[in-house]
Protein backbone atom coordinates (compact mmCIF):
# COMPACT_ATOMS: atom_id res chain seq x y z
CA MET A 1 101.04 164.50 164.17
CA THR A 2 101.30 165.96 160.65
CA ALA A 3 104.42 163.99 160.14
CA THR A 4 103.00 160.66 161.19
CA THR A 5 100.22 161.53 158.58
CA GLU A 6 102.46 162.31 155.61
CA ASP A 7 104.41 159.23 156.43
CA SER A 8 101.27 157.02 156.42
CA ARG A 9 100.08 158.63 152.91
CA VAL A 10 103.60 158.29 151.15
CA SER A 11 103.45 154.42 152.57
CA PHE A 12 100.11 153.90 151.38
CA ASN A 13 100.95 155.36 147.86
CA ASN A 14 104.12 153.01 147.73
CA GLU A 15 101.88 150.12 148.59
CA GLU A 16 99.17 151.32 145.79
CA ILE A 17 102.15 151.48 143.60
CA GLN A 18 103.56 148.29 144.06
CA ASP A 19 100.20 146.80 143.82
CA ARG A 20 99.19 148.20 140.73
CA GLY A 21 103.02 147.31 139.24
CA SER A 22 101.87 143.66 140.23
CA SER A 23 99.06 143.57 138.72
CA LEU A 24 100.48 145.19 135.34
CA THR A 25 103.25 142.51 135.52
CA ALA A 26 100.46 139.96 135.97
CA ALA A 27 98.29 141.05 133.27
CA ARG A 28 101.58 140.85 130.97
CA SER A 29 102.74 137.72 132.37
CA GLY A 30 99.24 136.23 131.46
CA LYS A 31 98.97 137.87 128.17
CA LYS A 32 102.39 136.43 127.47
CA LYS A 33 101.39 132.84 128.70
CA LYS A 34 98.15 133.09 126.49
CA LYS A 35 100.10 134.27 123.45
CA ASN A 36 102.83 131.57 124.10
CA PHE A 37 99.91 128.89 124.30
CA LEU A 38 98.10 130.04 121.13
CA GLN A 39 101.48 129.93 119.45
CA LYS A 40 102.55 126.61 120.92
CA TRP A 41 98.93 125.30 119.34
CA PHE A 42 99.35 126.94 116.11
CA ASP A 43 102.62 125.38 115.66
CA ILE A 44 101.25 122.09 116.69
CA LEU A 45 98.21 122.29 114.36
CA PHE A 46 100.27 123.82 111.43
CA ILE A 47 103.72 123.14 111.54
CA ASP A 48 104.64 120.13 113.81
CA SER A 49 101.61 118.29 111.85
CA LYS A 50 102.83 119.31 108.32
CA ALA A 51 99.00 119.85 107.88
CA PHE A 52 99.38 123.61 105.94
CA LYS A 53 102.49 121.74 103.87
CA THR A 54 100.22 119.07 103.04
CA PHE A 55 97.18 121.30 102.18
CA LEU A 56 99.65 123.08 99.38
CA THR A 57 100.82 120.34 98.37
CA ASN A 58 97.56 118.09 97.45
CA PHE A 59 95.96 121.30 96.34
CA VAL A 60 98.79 121.81 93.51
CA LEU A 61 98.85 117.84 92.72
CA THR A 62 95.18 117.49 92.09
CA TYR A 63 94.48 120.79 90.53
CA ASN A 64 97.16 119.76 88.00
CA LEU A 65 95.92 116.48 87.39
CA ARG A 66 92.64 117.71 86.69
CA ALA A 67 94.16 120.35 84.31
CA GLY A 68 96.14 117.96 82.80
CA VAL A 69 93.23 115.66 82.28
CA ALA A 70 91.15 118.41 80.80
CA PHE A 71 93.98 119.94 78.32
CA LEU A 72 94.74 116.22 77.16
CA VAL A 73 91.24 115.15 76.30
CA ARG A 74 90.58 118.67 74.40
CA THR A 75 94.14 118.05 72.83
CA LEU A 76 92.82 114.92 71.36
CA SER A 77 89.53 116.05 70.66
CA VAL A 78 90.75 118.49 68.43
CA LEU A 79 93.19 116.42 66.72
CA ARG A 80 90.83 113.78 65.88
CA GLN A 81 88.29 116.60 64.44
CA ASP A 82 90.81 118.96 62.57
CA PRO A 83 94.82 117.71 62.75
CA LYS A 84 95.62 121.54 61.54
CA ALA A 85 94.03 122.91 64.69
CA PHE A 86 96.95 120.98 66.83
CA PHE A 87 99.05 124.28 66.40
CA SER A 88 96.47 126.77 67.07
CA LEU A 89 96.47 127.64 70.75
CA GLN A 90 93.22 129.74 70.20
CA ARG A 91 91.51 126.55 69.48
CA LEU A 92 93.26 124.31 71.90
CA LEU A 93 92.61 126.85 74.92
CA ASP A 94 89.38 128.17 73.79
CA GLU A 95 87.12 129.29 76.86
CA ALA A 96 84.01 127.89 75.41
CA GLN A 97 85.20 124.50 75.00
CA PHE A 98 87.96 124.43 77.66
CA LYS A 99 86.19 124.80 80.92
CA PHE A 100 88.03 123.25 84.23
CA ARG A 101 89.36 125.65 86.23
CA GLU A 102 86.37 126.03 88.99
CA GLU A 103 86.09 122.39 89.20
CA ALA A 104 90.22 121.82 89.50
CA VAL A 105 90.20 124.73 92.22
CA ARG A 106 87.14 123.10 93.98
CA ILE A 107 88.83 119.65 93.75
CA GLY A 108 92.21 120.70 94.93
CA LEU A 109 90.88 122.60 97.96
CA PHE A 110 88.57 119.67 98.71
CA VAL A 111 91.32 117.32 98.73
CA GLY A 112 94.13 119.84 100.15
CA LEU A 113 91.76 120.80 103.01
CA PHE A 114 90.45 116.95 103.96
CA THR A 115 94.21 115.89 104.04
CA GLY A 116 95.44 119.04 106.02
CA THR A 117 93.10 119.06 108.59
CA TYR A 118 92.88 115.37 109.08
CA LYS A 119 96.55 115.77 110.00
CA ALA A 120 96.00 118.37 111.84
CA THR A 121 93.27 116.78 114.05
CA THR A 122 95.19 113.81 114.54
CA HIS A 123 98.48 115.63 115.62
CA ALA A 124 96.61 117.80 117.69
CA LEU A 125 94.41 114.77 119.70
CA ALA A 126 97.82 112.79 119.96
CA ARG A 127 99.79 115.65 121.41
CA ARG A 128 97.06 116.46 124.00
CA GLU A 129 96.70 113.08 125.07
CA SER A 130 100.37 112.71 125.51
CA ALA A 131 101.95 112.55 129.00
CA ASP A 132 104.44 115.01 127.88
CA CYS A 133 103.10 117.42 125.35
CA GLU A 134 106.85 119.30 125.00
CA SER A 135 107.76 115.86 123.94
CA GLU A 136 108.50 115.21 120.21
CA LYS A 137 107.40 111.56 120.49
CA VAL A 138 103.35 111.31 120.82
CA VAL A 139 101.47 108.17 120.80
CA PRO A 140 98.03 108.42 119.26
CA LYS A 141 95.15 106.33 120.21
CA LYS A 142 92.94 104.25 117.68
CA TRP A 143 90.17 106.45 118.17
CA HIS A 144 91.91 109.65 116.91
CA SER A 145 91.98 108.73 113.47
CA ALA A 146 88.03 108.01 113.20
CA VAL A 147 87.73 111.80 114.62
CA GLY A 148 90.09 113.30 112.28
CA GLY A 149 88.24 111.65 109.19
CA PHE A 150 84.79 113.00 110.61
CA LEU A 151 86.18 116.46 110.98
CA ALA A 152 88.03 116.47 107.66
CA GLY A 153 85.05 115.05 106.04
CA PHE A 154 83.52 118.93 106.27
CA SER A 155 85.73 119.88 103.42
CA LEU A 156 83.02 118.32 101.25
CA LEU A 157 81.19 121.52 101.83
CA ILE A 158 83.84 122.98 99.30
CA MET A 159 82.66 120.41 96.25
CA ASP A 160 79.65 121.90 94.15
CA LYS A 161 76.48 120.26 95.54
CA SER A 162 75.80 118.16 92.56
CA TRP A 163 78.77 116.39 93.61
CA HIS A 164 77.96 115.79 97.26
CA ARG A 165 75.55 112.66 96.71
CA THR A 166 77.65 111.08 94.28
CA LEU A 167 81.00 111.22 96.55
CA SER A 168 79.25 110.32 99.71
CA LEU A 169 77.55 107.29 98.41
CA TYR A 170 80.90 106.18 96.85
CA MET A 171 82.81 106.37 99.82
CA ALA A 172 80.08 105.00 102.02
CA THR A 173 80.72 102.29 99.79
CA ARG A 174 84.37 101.93 100.16
CA ALA A 175 83.55 102.06 103.99
CA VAL A 176 81.41 99.39 104.09
CA GLN A 177 83.92 97.00 102.04
CA CYS A 178 86.72 98.00 104.24
CA TRP A 179 84.07 96.73 107.44
CA TYR A 180 82.98 93.47 105.35
CA ASN A 181 86.66 92.77 104.62
CA PHE A 182 87.42 93.47 108.40
CA ASN A 183 84.68 91.01 109.57
CA LYS A 184 85.32 88.41 106.90
CA GLU A 185 89.13 88.18 107.40
CA ARG A 186 88.05 87.28 111.10
CA SER A 187 85.74 84.69 109.96
CA TYR A 188 82.85 86.70 111.72
CA PHE A 189 80.61 86.14 108.49
CA HIS A 190 80.83 86.88 104.44
CA PHE A 191 78.25 86.81 102.10
CA TRP A 192 76.70 84.03 100.18
CA GLY A 193 78.55 83.87 97.00
CA SER A 194 81.56 86.02 98.16
CA HIS A 195 83.98 83.32 97.10
CA TRP A 196 82.95 83.21 93.47
CA SER A 197 85.60 83.99 90.90
CA HIS A 198 82.91 86.51 89.05
CA GLY A 199 81.01 87.67 92.07
CA ASP A 200 82.53 91.11 91.15
CA SER A 201 81.11 91.06 87.51
CA LEU A 202 77.84 90.01 88.99
CA LEU A 203 77.56 92.90 91.07
CA PHE A 204 78.67 95.00 88.08
CA ALA A 205 75.90 93.70 85.94
CA VAL A 206 73.02 94.34 88.65
CA SER A 207 74.38 97.67 89.08
CA SER A 208 74.12 98.51 85.48
CA ALA A 209 71.02 97.01 84.81
CA GLN A 210 69.75 99.57 87.34
CA ILE A 211 71.63 102.29 85.48
CA MET A 212 70.65 101.63 82.27
CA TYR A 213 67.13 101.48 83.38
CA ALA A 214 67.24 104.81 84.95
CA TYR A 215 68.92 106.09 81.42
CA VAL A 216 65.96 105.46 79.71
CA MET A 217 62.91 105.43 81.71
CA ARG A 218 64.06 107.64 84.65
CA LYS A 219 66.73 110.26 84.04
CA GLU A 220 65.98 112.07 86.89
CA THR A 221 67.43 109.43 89.41
CA LEU A 222 70.76 109.72 87.83
CA PRO A 223 73.42 112.77 88.54
CA ARG A 224 72.69 115.06 85.47
CA SER A 225 76.51 115.06 84.41
CA TYR A 226 76.40 111.33 84.36
CA HIS A 227 73.40 110.96 82.33
CA LYS A 228 74.80 113.58 79.86
CA PHE A 229 78.17 111.38 79.62
CA ILE A 230 75.73 108.27 79.02
CA VAL A 231 73.69 110.12 76.22
CA ASN A 232 76.70 111.68 74.43
CA GLN A 233 78.23 108.28 74.69
CA GLY A 234 75.39 106.25 73.49
CA PRO A 235 74.09 105.92 70.02
CA ILE A 236 70.71 106.64 70.74
CA ASP A 237 69.71 110.22 70.66
CA GLY A 238 68.09 112.19 73.66
CA LEU A 239 64.64 113.09 72.10
CA MET A 240 64.27 109.06 71.15
CA LEU A 241 64.87 108.44 74.88
CA GLU A 242 62.38 110.57 76.02
CA THR A 243 59.94 109.13 73.46
CA VAL A 244 60.41 105.71 74.18
CA GLN A 245 59.76 106.62 78.05
CA GLN A 246 56.66 108.21 77.32
CA SER A 247 55.47 105.34 75.07
CA CYS A 248 55.99 103.20 78.13
CA ARG A 249 53.83 105.28 80.14
CA ASP A 250 51.21 105.49 77.91
CA LEU A 251 51.98 109.20 77.44
CA PRO A 252 51.05 111.42 74.25
CA ILE A 253 54.16 111.37 72.23
CA ASP A 254 54.84 114.73 69.90
CA THR A 255 54.71 113.03 67.11
CA GLY A 256 55.96 116.35 64.77
CA LYS A 257 59.23 115.92 66.54
CA VAL A 258 59.95 112.66 66.25
CA LEU A 259 59.16 112.72 62.44
CA ASP A 260 61.66 115.68 61.96
CA TYR A 261 64.10 113.77 63.75
CA VAL A 262 63.75 111.00 61.47
CA LYS A 263 63.54 112.72 58.41
CA LYS A 264 66.99 115.15 59.15
CA ASN A 265 68.49 111.71 59.75
CA GLY A 266 67.09 109.60 57.46
CA GLY A 267 65.40 110.91 54.87
CA GLU A 268 61.84 110.32 53.38
CA GLU A 269 62.24 106.59 53.32
CA ALA A 270 62.75 106.36 57.02
CA VAL A 271 59.78 108.57 57.43
CA LYS A 272 57.30 106.16 55.84
CA ALA A 273 58.71 103.21 57.81
CA VAL A 274 58.27 105.06 60.94
CA LYS A 275 55.21 107.17 60.47
CA PRO A 276 52.79 104.24 60.60
CA TRP A 277 53.80 103.24 64.01
CA LEU A 278 52.83 106.68 65.38
CA GLU A 279 49.49 107.30 63.86
CA LYS A 280 47.61 105.84 67.22
CA GLN A 281 48.13 107.48 70.36
CA PRO A 282 49.35 106.27 72.84
CA VAL A 283 51.99 104.80 70.76
CA LYS A 284 52.58 100.87 71.78
CA LEU A 285 55.99 100.67 70.55
CA ILE A 286 58.77 103.13 69.34
CA PRO A 287 60.10 101.18 66.07
CA ARG A 288 63.82 100.37 65.71
CA ARG A 289 64.38 102.48 62.64
CA ALA A 290 63.16 105.65 64.80
CA LEU A 291 66.45 104.64 67.08
CA HIS A 292 68.81 104.61 63.89
CA PRO A 293 67.04 106.17 61.07
CA HIS A 294 70.20 106.63 59.17
CA THR A 295 70.33 102.67 57.95
CA SER A 296 67.54 100.25 58.31
CA SER A 297 70.29 97.63 59.13
CA ALA A 298 70.13 96.56 62.79
CA VAL A 299 73.65 95.15 62.27
CA VAL A 300 75.26 98.29 60.68
CA ALA A 301 73.72 100.34 63.58
CA THR A 302 75.52 98.05 66.27
CA LEU A 303 78.62 98.22 64.39
CA GLU A 304 78.43 102.07 64.07
CA SER A 305 77.44 102.64 67.67
CA PHE A 306 80.70 100.53 68.77
CA SER A 307 83.32 102.29 66.42
CA GLY A 308 81.72 105.70 67.70
CA VAL A 309 81.69 105.05 71.23
CA ALA A 310 85.55 103.59 70.97
CA LYS A 311 86.53 106.79 69.12
CA LYS A 312 84.74 109.26 71.64
CA ILE A 313 85.79 107.60 74.82
CA PHE A 314 89.38 106.57 73.89
CA PRO A 315 90.89 109.95 74.51
CA VAL A 316 88.91 110.10 77.95
CA TYR A 317 90.65 106.74 78.79
CA LEU A 318 93.90 107.60 77.66
CA ALA A 319 93.95 111.15 79.49
CA LEU A 320 93.20 109.28 82.67
CA ALA A 321 95.71 106.67 82.19
CA LEU A 322 98.52 108.75 81.18
CA VAL A 323 98.23 112.16 82.95
CA PRO A 324 98.23 110.12 86.47
CA ALA A 325 101.33 108.24 85.28
CA MET A 326 103.12 111.46 84.32
CA VAL A 327 102.23 113.33 87.53
CA LEU A 328 102.40 110.69 89.98
CA ARG A 329 105.22 108.76 89.00
CA TYR A 330 107.11 111.49 87.46
CA LYS A 331 110.59 109.60 87.95
CA ILE A 332 109.50 106.67 86.21
CA PHE A 333 108.05 108.28 83.45
CA VAL A 334 111.38 110.19 82.67
CA LYS A 335 113.40 107.35 83.18
CA ASN A 336 111.05 105.25 80.70
CA PRO A 337 108.89 107.58 78.86
CA LEU A 338 107.89 104.97 76.09
CA GLY A 339 107.01 102.26 78.44
CA VAL A 340 104.40 104.74 80.46
CA VAL A 341 103.00 106.10 77.28
CA GLY A 342 103.09 102.26 76.03
CA LYS A 343 101.16 101.02 79.25
CA ALA A 344 98.69 103.88 78.89
CA LEU A 345 97.70 103.39 75.33
CA ALA A 346 97.29 99.73 76.22
CA SER A 347 95.10 100.57 78.99
CA ALA A 348 92.97 103.28 77.15
CA ALA A 349 92.61 100.68 74.03
CA GLN A 350 91.20 98.02 76.79
CA SER A 351 88.91 100.19 78.57
CA SER A 352 87.44 101.84 75.42
CA THR A 353 86.61 98.06 73.70
CA PHE A 354 84.97 97.43 77.22
CA LEU A 355 82.73 100.55 76.80
CA ALA A 356 82.24 100.31 73.65
CA THR A 357 81.32 96.59 73.81
CA PHE A 358 78.64 97.56 76.51
CA CYS A 359 76.93 100.46 74.48
CA SER A 360 77.09 98.06 71.35
CA SER A 361 75.46 95.17 72.83
CA TYR A 362 72.80 97.07 74.65
CA MET A 363 72.03 98.98 71.42
CA ALA A 364 72.00 95.23 69.44
CA GLN A 365 69.36 93.93 72.58
CA ILE A 366 66.89 96.85 71.95
CA CYS A 367 66.79 96.18 68.12
CA LEU A 368 66.45 92.61 68.78
CA GLN A 369 63.55 93.28 71.00
CA ARG A 370 61.95 95.75 68.58
CA MET A 371 62.12 93.16 66.11
CA VAL A 372 60.34 90.74 67.87
CA PHE A 373 57.65 92.91 69.61
CA GLU A 374 57.19 94.38 66.11
CA SER A 375 56.33 91.13 64.51
CA MET A 376 54.10 89.95 67.31
CA GLY A 377 52.33 93.42 67.69
CA TRP A 378 52.94 93.48 71.34
CA ARG A 379 53.44 96.65 73.54
CA ASP A 380 56.85 98.17 74.62
CA ARG A 381 57.86 97.12 78.34
CA LYS A 382 59.82 99.02 80.68
CA GLN A 383 61.69 95.73 82.17
CA VAL A 384 63.19 95.09 78.70
CA TYR A 385 65.86 97.95 79.21
CA TRP A 386 66.95 96.65 82.88
CA ILE A 387 67.09 93.05 81.14
CA ALA A 388 69.48 94.75 78.39
CA GLY A 389 71.54 96.67 81.04
CA PHE A 390 72.15 92.91 82.83
CA PHE A 391 73.34 91.19 79.86
CA SER A 392 75.53 93.78 78.60
CA SER A 393 77.57 94.14 81.41
CA ALA A 394 79.12 90.64 80.32
CA SER A 395 81.44 93.05 78.77
CA ILE A 396 83.30 93.25 81.62
CA LEU A 397 84.91 90.27 81.19
CA LEU A 398 87.10 92.18 78.67
CA GLU A 399 88.69 94.30 81.39
CA LYS A 400 91.37 92.96 83.92
CA LYS A 401 90.26 91.15 86.84
CA GLY A 402 91.87 93.98 89.17
CA ARG A 403 89.69 96.32 87.72
CA ARG A 404 86.43 94.56 87.59
CA SER A 405 85.87 94.91 91.56
CA GLU A 406 86.75 98.78 91.08
CA LEU A 407 84.42 99.21 88.16
CA ALA A 408 81.42 97.45 90.25
CA LEU A 409 81.95 99.54 93.71
CA TYR A 410 81.92 102.57 91.26
CA ALA A 411 78.50 101.79 89.41
CA LEU A 412 77.06 100.59 92.74
CA PRO A 413 76.43 103.39 94.47
CA ARG A 414 75.06 105.36 91.17
CA ALA A 415 72.62 102.33 90.93
CA ALA A 416 71.98 102.43 94.71
CA ASP A 417 71.14 106.21 94.38
CA SER A 418 68.47 106.03 91.81
CA LEU A 419 66.99 102.85 93.28
CA PHE A 420 66.58 104.97 96.73
CA LEU A 421 65.11 108.21 94.73
CA ILE A 422 62.82 105.69 92.66
CA LEU A 423 61.57 104.27 96.32
CA ASN A 424 61.33 107.89 97.77
CA ASP A 425 58.88 108.99 94.88
CA HIS A 426 56.74 106.09 95.69
CA ARG A 427 57.22 107.14 99.75
CA LEU A 428 59.03 104.05 100.68
CA ALA A 429 62.05 106.00 101.60
CA PHE A 430 62.72 109.44 103.40
CA THR A 431 65.44 111.91 103.37
CA VAL A 432 67.18 113.59 106.40
CA PRO A 433 68.50 117.05 105.99
CA TYR A 434 72.28 117.07 105.71
CA GLY A 435 72.25 113.49 105.33
CA GLU A 436 74.83 113.43 102.27
CA LEU A 437 76.91 115.59 104.68
CA LEU A 438 76.38 112.99 107.37
CA ILE A 439 77.13 109.81 105.24
CA PHE A 440 80.19 111.16 103.74
CA CYS A 441 81.84 112.16 107.25
CA SER A 442 80.92 109.03 108.80
CA SER A 443 82.29 106.98 105.93
CA MET A 444 85.46 109.02 105.87
CA SER A 445 85.73 108.73 109.96
CA ALA A 446 85.46 104.69 109.13
CA ILE A 447 87.69 104.64 106.33
CA MET A 448 90.58 106.53 108.04
CA PHE A 449 90.08 104.56 110.88
CA PHE A 450 90.79 101.32 108.90
CA PHE A 451 93.57 103.39 107.14
CA GLU A 452 95.51 103.68 110.33
CA ASN A 453 94.62 100.65 112.15
CA HIS A 454 93.62 97.82 109.61
CA PHE A 455 95.44 98.85 106.66
CA ASN A 456 95.11 95.56 104.86
CA ASN A 457 91.26 95.68 104.66
CA LEU A 458 91.47 98.64 102.46
CA SER A 459 90.88 97.79 98.66
CA PRO A 460 93.95 98.55 96.65
CA LEU A 461 92.71 101.83 95.30
CA VAL A 462 91.83 103.24 98.27
CA ALA A 463 95.12 102.24 100.06
CA LYS A 464 97.27 103.66 96.91
CA LEU A 465 95.28 106.83 97.07
CA MET A 466 95.36 107.31 100.81
CA THR A 467 99.13 106.62 101.19
CA ARG A 468 99.76 108.90 98.08
CA PHE A 469 97.95 111.95 99.56
CA LEU A 470 98.90 111.37 103.31
CA SER A 471 102.25 109.99 102.98
CA HIS A 472 104.58 112.53 100.90
CA ASP A 473 107.75 110.78 101.84
CA VAL A 474 107.11 108.61 98.92
CA GLN A 475 110.40 107.13 96.84
CA LEU A 476 109.85 106.02 93.27
CA SER A 477 112.23 103.55 92.09
CA VAL A 478 112.59 101.53 88.86
CA GLY A 479 113.69 97.65 89.65
CA ALA A 480 116.60 96.89 87.83
CA SER A 481 115.76 93.03 87.64
CA SER A 482 113.70 91.56 84.56
CA GLY A 483 114.04 95.08 82.55
CA GLN A 484 110.25 95.82 84.09
CA GLN A 485 109.01 98.80 85.66
CA GLN A 486 108.65 98.45 89.44
CA GLU A 487 107.35 101.06 91.87
CA THR A 488 107.60 101.19 95.65
CA ALA A 489 106.19 103.70 97.87
CA GLU A 490 107.55 103.61 101.34
CA VAL A 491 105.22 105.32 103.65
CA HIS A 492 106.61 107.71 105.74
CA THR A 493 105.93 107.03 109.65
CA PRO A 494 105.08 110.50 111.14
CA LYS A 495 105.87 111.13 114.63
CA VAL A 496 102.24 110.76 115.69
CA VAL A 497 102.36 107.11 114.58
CA ASN A 498 102.50 103.93 116.90
CA SER A 499 103.76 101.06 115.33
CA GLN A 500 102.28 98.92 118.10
CA LEU A 501 98.49 99.91 117.01
CA ASN A 502 99.30 99.03 113.59
CA PRO A 503 102.06 96.57 112.96
CA LEU A 504 100.24 95.28 109.67
CA ARG A 505 100.23 98.89 107.94
CA HIS A 506 103.99 98.98 108.57
CA SER A 507 104.84 95.46 107.69
CA GLN A 508 103.04 96.11 104.25
CA SER A 509 104.77 99.50 103.78
CA THR A 510 105.68 98.77 99.97
CA LEU A 511 102.76 99.41 97.62
CA SER A 512 102.24 99.59 93.97
CA LEU A 513 101.48 102.74 92.68
CA SER A 514 100.58 101.41 89.42
CA GLY A 515 96.50 101.50 89.67
CA SER A 516 93.75 100.65 87.21
CA THR A 517 92.11 103.33 85.48
CA MET A 518 88.18 103.87 86.31
CA ALA A 519 85.41 104.56 83.77
CA PRO A 520 84.37 108.05 84.14
């Protein structure tokens, strides 16, 4: 009996040990499977999709572009002020004047995170939808690019908050442009006047009119950095702009400040010319002599405005034209540096002429308006500044035809933002929490959908940028025929791309990267 009991205990212990062993084996197997699962998806997200490589490549590329532009602008500015300072690194790299690092890092992280997240998301969705997840050949669906673009849009949070509204509205404009091109190509509908040869110039004129109105009357509706840029490039001091605004609104004017400014820049003779107009409050009109106290001639003031703007903006345009050419088209730059530099100089000169003409013509119109209103004794009217901005926009005809639509689409979101804020102040519009982020994500979702599925509906600029940042197997070559530079970008077709979904994209796989420089 005792032997039987002991045998049963031994048997029970053996079974318990086996159960524990099997449980431990199962636990280890589960951990191994979990580890394999995590390892598999880590490889899919970051290795197979080349997301991490894309992030690093685009971060370095964008950072170098921003740093290069800042350094070249600083160098040209120092040379213009004091050529001897070119040999002083302390002057060139002065921390007080050479501020770009934070912005360059933010822009690099933003572009790198967007492209990396997009690649990881679309590749992961394609692998998940694939019947054989172990297969190297996976086929995406059309909606994958839309989801990837939306999720990648959260990279906007990397940028400073002051950039959010500008970027979201700009990309929203591009998304609407894609949607409109899509519908127009299929003859679904098109806007009246879209066939006009100068429709882009008209759009630029309307947008610029609103911007120049806000520049004088509603500066709070423009981004602070953008308004500062216009004031710095323009011929009219910020104090006088504020004074004109107060005059149009029948608000009291600080006469002492105005006369001090006039005396400092024009002397007693200018004070005698301006003072009679400021004696009675509210001031009906700020005289033209107060706008250019250093000279009594409106013609001289206009010519000085042209030359001053051209000198100040030329280094900026040259940097924007030359640095991308050196960084993004390095092989061509090495083979033909003089040709690239010459092309950049010509582009900068043309764009500088356009902007200088815009500012000087605006100045001329305001001076002419002052001459008429002063002689008639009329009050100033705020509508004048909108009209002057509209007619000054005729200077866009000095730009190349290919640049006009880009400039129009650059000015449009800023004008729309200004108009929206004005309507919001009058309680005719409303804001939505995190609306800027939602607009940006939705816009990038639409743009990436068109990029993958309807490539020909993208604007040339957006197509070139997307191709450059999302396709790194870009081959640059110089055409031997005709002795001119030719640049081809062979779009790398990743494993997740289905050519049947987008035959147009692959049939147009050669793109010119020689883009036009947009105004800052």
